[in-house]
Protein backbone atom coordinates (compact mmCIF):
# COMPACT_ATOMS: atom_id res chain seq x y z
CA MET A 1 0.01 -0.05 0.01
CA ALA A 2 1.52 3.33 -1.09
CA TYR A 3 1.30 6.44 1.51
CA ALA A 4 1.17 9.87 0.77
CA LEU A 5 2.05 13.05 2.73
CA ALA A 6 -1.10 15.33 2.96
CA MET A 7 0.15 18.92 3.73
CA THR A 8 -2.08 21.04 5.82
CA ASN A 9 -3.69 24.22 4.27
CA ASP A 10 -1.34 26.23 6.78
CA LEU A 11 1.92 24.47 5.15
CA ASN A 12 0.79 24.74 1.67
CA ALA A 13 0.55 28.60 2.26
CA THR A 14 3.79 28.64 4.21
CA VAL A 15 5.49 26.92 1.16
CA ALA A 16 3.95 29.05 -1.25
CA GLN A 17 4.67 32.21 0.63
CA ASN A 18 8.62 30.88 1.01
CA VAL A 19 8.80 30.07 -2.97
CA GLY A 20 7.45 33.42 -3.72
CA LEU A 21 10.08 35.26 -1.57
CA ALA A 22 12.92 32.99 -3.07
CA LEU A 23 11.88 33.83 -6.41
CA ASP A 24 11.80 37.66 -5.81
CA SER A 25 14.91 37.70 -4.02
CA GLN A 26 16.50 35.97 -6.80
CA GLY A 27 14.72 38.24 -9.53
CA ARG A 28 13.28 34.87 -11.02
CA SER A 29 9.58 34.21 -12.07
CA ILE A 30 7.21 31.19 -11.79
CA THR A 31 7.83 30.86 -15.88
CA ASP A 32 11.58 30.42 -15.10
CA LEU A 33 10.96 27.99 -12.01
CA SER A 34 8.68 26.11 -14.54
CA ARG A 35 11.47 25.86 -16.76
CA THR A 36 14.25 24.85 -14.55
CA THR A 37 12.08 22.27 -12.50
CA GLY A 38 9.92 20.60 -15.24
CA ILE A 39 6.78 21.51 -13.33
CA ALA A 40 4.20 22.77 -15.50
CA GLU A 41 3.47 26.55 -15.15
CA ARG A 42 0.00 25.89 -14.37
CA THR A 43 0.64 23.56 -11.59
CA LEU A 44 3.09 25.85 -10.20
CA ARG A 45 0.34 28.74 -10.21
CA ARG A 46 -2.27 26.47 -8.80
CA ARG A 47 0.24 25.48 -6.06
CA MET A 48 0.86 29.08 -5.55
CA THR A 49 -2.66 30.15 -5.00
CA GLY A 50 -3.59 27.31 -2.66
CA THR A 51 -5.74 25.60 -5.19
CA SER A 52 -4.05 22.32 -4.92
CA ASP A 53 -1.17 20.95 -2.56
CA TRP A 54 2.64 20.55 -3.01
CA THR A 55 3.91 17.31 -3.40
CA THR A 56 7.18 16.10 -1.84
CA GLY A 57 8.75 15.70 -5.14
CA GLU A 58 7.76 19.05 -6.34
CA ILE A 59 9.33 20.75 -3.21
CA ALA A 60 12.48 18.79 -3.93
CA LEU A 61 12.52 20.18 -7.34
CA ILE A 62 11.97 23.46 -6.32
CA CYS A 63 14.79 23.38 -3.73
CA ALA A 64 17.26 22.26 -6.38
CA SER A 65 16.30 25.16 -8.64
CA LEU A 66 16.35 27.72 -5.82
CA GLY A 67 19.32 26.55 -4.03
CA THR A 68 17.55 26.06 -0.62
CA SER A 69 16.54 23.33 1.63
CA PRO A 70 12.80 21.80 2.24
CA GLN A 71 13.19 23.00 5.74
CA SER A 72 13.67 26.57 4.69
CA LEU A 73 10.58 26.51 2.47
CA MET A 74 8.59 24.69 5.15
CA ARG A 75 9.38 27.13 7.76
CA LYS A 76 7.14 29.63 8.81
CA ALA A 77 8.29 33.10 9.15
CA PRO A 78 8.16 34.67 12.53
CA SER A 79 5.37 37.04 13.55
CA LEU A 80 6.15 40.66 13.76
CA ALA A 81 3.25 41.13 15.89
CA ALA A 82 4.45 42.40 19.66
């Protein structure tokens, strides 16, 4: 029997936010990320908007493309609220 890792909505949103921040900091686009990972641009856009869940394979490909780790994409930014 195969098991899949289901990501929570909160984790999906955190990954999307961190991917977006990494792309911005590197001056890259979703189109470029699609080209370097082989993940369809439409799929990436659905993931970024929360329409569908990230897969662990996609996260691995994105990390390789962005030069980062899965942990950094899944780490929630500290709250700025006092």
